[in-house]
Protein backbone atom coordinates (compact mmCIF):
# COMPACT_ATOMS: atom_id res chain seq x y z
CA MET A 1 34.69 -3.73 -44.31
CA THR A 2 32.99 -6.12 -41.87
CA THR A 3 30.14 -8.06 -43.43
CA PRO A 4 27.19 -9.65 -41.59
CA PHE A 5 28.79 -13.04 -42.33
CA ASP A 6 31.88 -11.98 -40.37
CA VAL A 7 29.72 -10.86 -37.44
CA ILE A 8 27.59 -14.04 -37.46
CA GLN A 9 30.70 -16.26 -37.46
CA ASN A 10 31.74 -14.89 -34.08
CA ASP A 11 28.37 -14.35 -32.38
CA ARG A 12 26.60 -17.41 -30.88
CA GLN A 13 23.40 -15.45 -30.30
CA LEU A 14 23.18 -14.49 -33.99
CA GLN A 15 23.94 -18.07 -35.00
CA GLU A 16 21.08 -19.25 -32.78
CA HIS A 17 18.84 -16.56 -34.32
CA TRP A 18 19.51 -17.85 -37.85
CA VAL A 19 19.03 -21.48 -36.80
CA ARG A 20 15.66 -20.55 -35.30
CA ARG A 21 14.73 -18.73 -38.52
CA LEU A 22 15.70 -21.85 -40.51
CA VAL A 23 13.56 -24.08 -38.28
CA ALA A 24 10.64 -21.63 -38.62
CA PHE A 25 11.13 -21.71 -42.40
CA ILE A 26 11.02 -25.53 -42.38
CA ILE A 27 7.82 -25.54 -40.29
CA ASP A 28 6.23 -23.05 -42.69
CA ALA A 29 7.42 -25.09 -45.69
CA ILE A 30 5.68 -28.17 -44.26
CA ILE A 31 2.45 -26.20 -43.71
CA ILE A 32 2.65 -24.73 -47.21
CA GLY A 33 3.47 -28.15 -48.68
CA ILE A 34 0.36 -29.67 -47.12
CA ALA A 35 -1.76 -26.78 -48.45
CA ILE A 36 -0.27 -27.15 -51.92
CA TRP A 37 -0.90 -30.90 -52.05
CA ILE A 38 -4.50 -30.41 -50.92
CA PHE A 39 -4.99 -27.65 -53.50
CA THR A 40 -3.34 -29.77 -56.17
CA PHE A 41 -5.44 -32.82 -55.39
CA ILE A 42 -8.72 -30.90 -55.36
CA PHE A 43 -8.29 -28.38 -58.19
CA ALA A 44 -5.39 -29.17 -60.45
CA PHE A 45 -5.25 -32.97 -60.68
CA GLY A 46 -6.70 -32.93 -64.21
CA PHE A 47 -3.82 -30.83 -65.56
CA PHE A 48 -1.42 -33.72 -64.96
CA TRP A 49 -3.08 -35.83 -67.61
CA PHE A 50 -2.68 -33.18 -70.32
CA SER A 51 1.04 -32.61 -70.17
CA HIS A 52 3.74 -33.38 -67.64
CA PHE A 53 5.72 -30.35 -68.84
CA SER A 54 2.86 -27.90 -68.29
CA TRP A 55 2.03 -29.63 -64.99
CA PHE A 56 5.51 -28.84 -63.66
CA PHE A 57 5.12 -25.14 -64.46
CA MET A 58 1.58 -25.07 -63.08
CA TRP A 59 2.73 -26.70 -59.84
CA SER A 60 5.69 -24.28 -59.57
CA PHE A 61 3.33 -21.33 -60.06
CA ILE A 62 0.90 -22.66 -57.44
CA ASN A 63 3.76 -23.33 -55.01
CA GLY A 64 5.26 -19.86 -55.40
CA SER A 65 1.88 -18.12 -55.21
CA ILE A 66 0.75 -19.93 -52.06
CA THR A 67 4.13 -19.38 -50.40
CA LEU A 68 4.11 -15.66 -51.17
CA LEU A 69 0.50 -15.18 -50.06
CA TYR A 70 0.98 -17.22 -46.87
CA THR A 71 4.13 -15.41 -45.77
CA GLY A 72 2.91 -11.99 -46.92
CA PHE A 73 -0.43 -12.35 -45.17
CA PHE A 74 0.77 -13.75 -41.85
CA GLU A 75 3.81 -11.50 -41.55
CA GLY A 76 1.97 -8.45 -42.84
CA ILE A 77 -1.13 -8.83 -40.68
CA ARG A 78 0.14 -10.71 -37.60
CA GLY A 79 3.88 -9.99 -37.73
CA ALA A 80 4.81 -13.67 -37.91
CA THR A 81 4.06 -16.87 -39.77
CA ILE A 82 3.02 -19.94 -37.80
CA GLY A 83 6.63 -21.18 -37.81
CA LYS A 84 7.94 -17.85 -36.51
CA GLU A 85 5.26 -17.73 -33.80
CA LEU A 86 6.18 -21.22 -32.61
CA LEU A 87 9.84 -20.16 -32.33
CA LYS A 88 9.01 -16.80 -30.73
CA LEU A 89 10.15 -14.67 -33.66
CA LYS A 90 8.42 -11.60 -35.07
CA VAL A 91 8.93 -9.37 -38.12
CA ILE A 92 9.41 -5.75 -37.12
CA CYS A 93 9.11 -2.81 -39.51
CA HIS A 94 11.38 0.10 -38.60
CA GLN A 95 9.60 2.92 -40.45
CA ASP A 96 5.87 2.42 -40.15
CA ARG A 97 3.88 -0.55 -39.01
CA MET A 98 4.06 -3.91 -40.73
CA ASP A 99 1.53 -4.44 -43.52
CA PHE A 100 0.70 -6.88 -46.30
CA VAL A 101 2.78 -5.04 -48.93
CA LYS A 102 5.91 -5.09 -46.75
CA GLY A 103 5.21 -8.77 -46.07
CA LEU A 104 5.12 -9.42 -49.82
CA ILE A 105 8.26 -7.38 -50.52
CA ARG A 106 10.37 -9.16 -47.90
CA ASN A 107 9.17 -12.60 -49.03
CA VAL A 108 9.18 -12.34 -52.82
CA SER A 109 12.44 -14.31 -52.92
CA LYS A 110 10.63 -17.30 -51.40
CA ILE A 111 8.74 -17.99 -54.64
CA PHE A 112 11.78 -19.92 -55.93
CA TRP A 113 14.58 -21.39 -53.81
CA VAL A 114 17.39 -19.97 -55.96
CA LEU A 115 16.11 -16.44 -55.32
CA LEU A 116 16.04 -17.10 -51.58
CA ILE A 117 19.65 -18.29 -51.62
CA LEU A 118 20.67 -15.17 -53.58
CA ASP A 119 18.75 -13.02 -51.10
CA LEU A 120 20.72 -14.56 -48.22
CA LEU A 121 24.11 -14.47 -49.95
CA ILE A 122 23.77 -10.84 -50.98
CA ALA A 123 22.76 -9.92 -47.43
CA PHE A 124 25.54 -11.91 -45.76
CA PHE A 125 28.35 -10.57 -47.94
CA THR A 126 27.37 -6.90 -48.29
CA ASP A 127 27.22 -4.17 -45.68
CA GLY A 128 24.09 -4.33 -43.52
CA HIS A 129 22.47 -5.57 -40.33
CA PRO A 130 23.33 -9.21 -39.54
CA LYS A 131 19.67 -10.11 -38.83
CA GLN A 132 18.45 -8.97 -42.25
CA ARG A 133 18.13 -10.69 -45.59
CA TYR A 134 18.62 -8.35 -48.56
CA LEU A 135 14.87 -7.95 -49.08
CA ASP A 136 14.51 -7.10 -45.37
CA ARG A 137 16.74 -4.12 -46.08
CA ILE A 138 14.46 -3.03 -48.93
CA ALA A 139 11.30 -3.46 -46.81
CA ASN A 140 13.11 -1.92 -43.78
CA THR A 141 12.27 -4.92 -41.60
CA THR A 142 14.09 -7.35 -39.31
CA VAL A 143 13.13 -10.55 -37.59
CA GLU A 144 13.47 -10.19 -33.83
CA ASP A 145 13.14 -12.49 -30.82
CA VAL A 146 9.79 -11.82 -29.11
CA ARG A 147 11.35 -12.55 -25.72
CA GLU A 148 13.90 -9.76 -26.26
CA LEU A 149 11.18 -7.35 -27.45
CA ASN A 150 9.09 -8.06 -24.35
CA ALA A 151 12.12 -7.51 -22.10
CA LYS A 152 12.60 -3.96 -23.43
């Protein structure tokens, strides 16, 4: 059985695709990080003084919620987050059209970094399309290069 990891190892174009997705993820993480710090400073600063333990869980909840809403909204409504748009990537749904629910489904693993790593590992070492994370398979989506889509 050939896994996506085997295919990616030997395909420079797929390697470039995943590097571009990583850079888009980093850009989005910076945008989300700025939003979280602004939100934290304005609304949640008082929680810090009550308990450091509860503050950690509150911040984790805020981080995961904002990340999921940001990625779900932009990918569901526009087909791409800001990071993906800058790198000319777009989320394509293969059954219907992309919507907010599919955006949430494919990004639920981004609420906590361990889940995202599991999502990638499961996708890379099980049978499937080499451009898909595991949750992309569930949502029936892939991330494609806009330049290739426009060429078709």
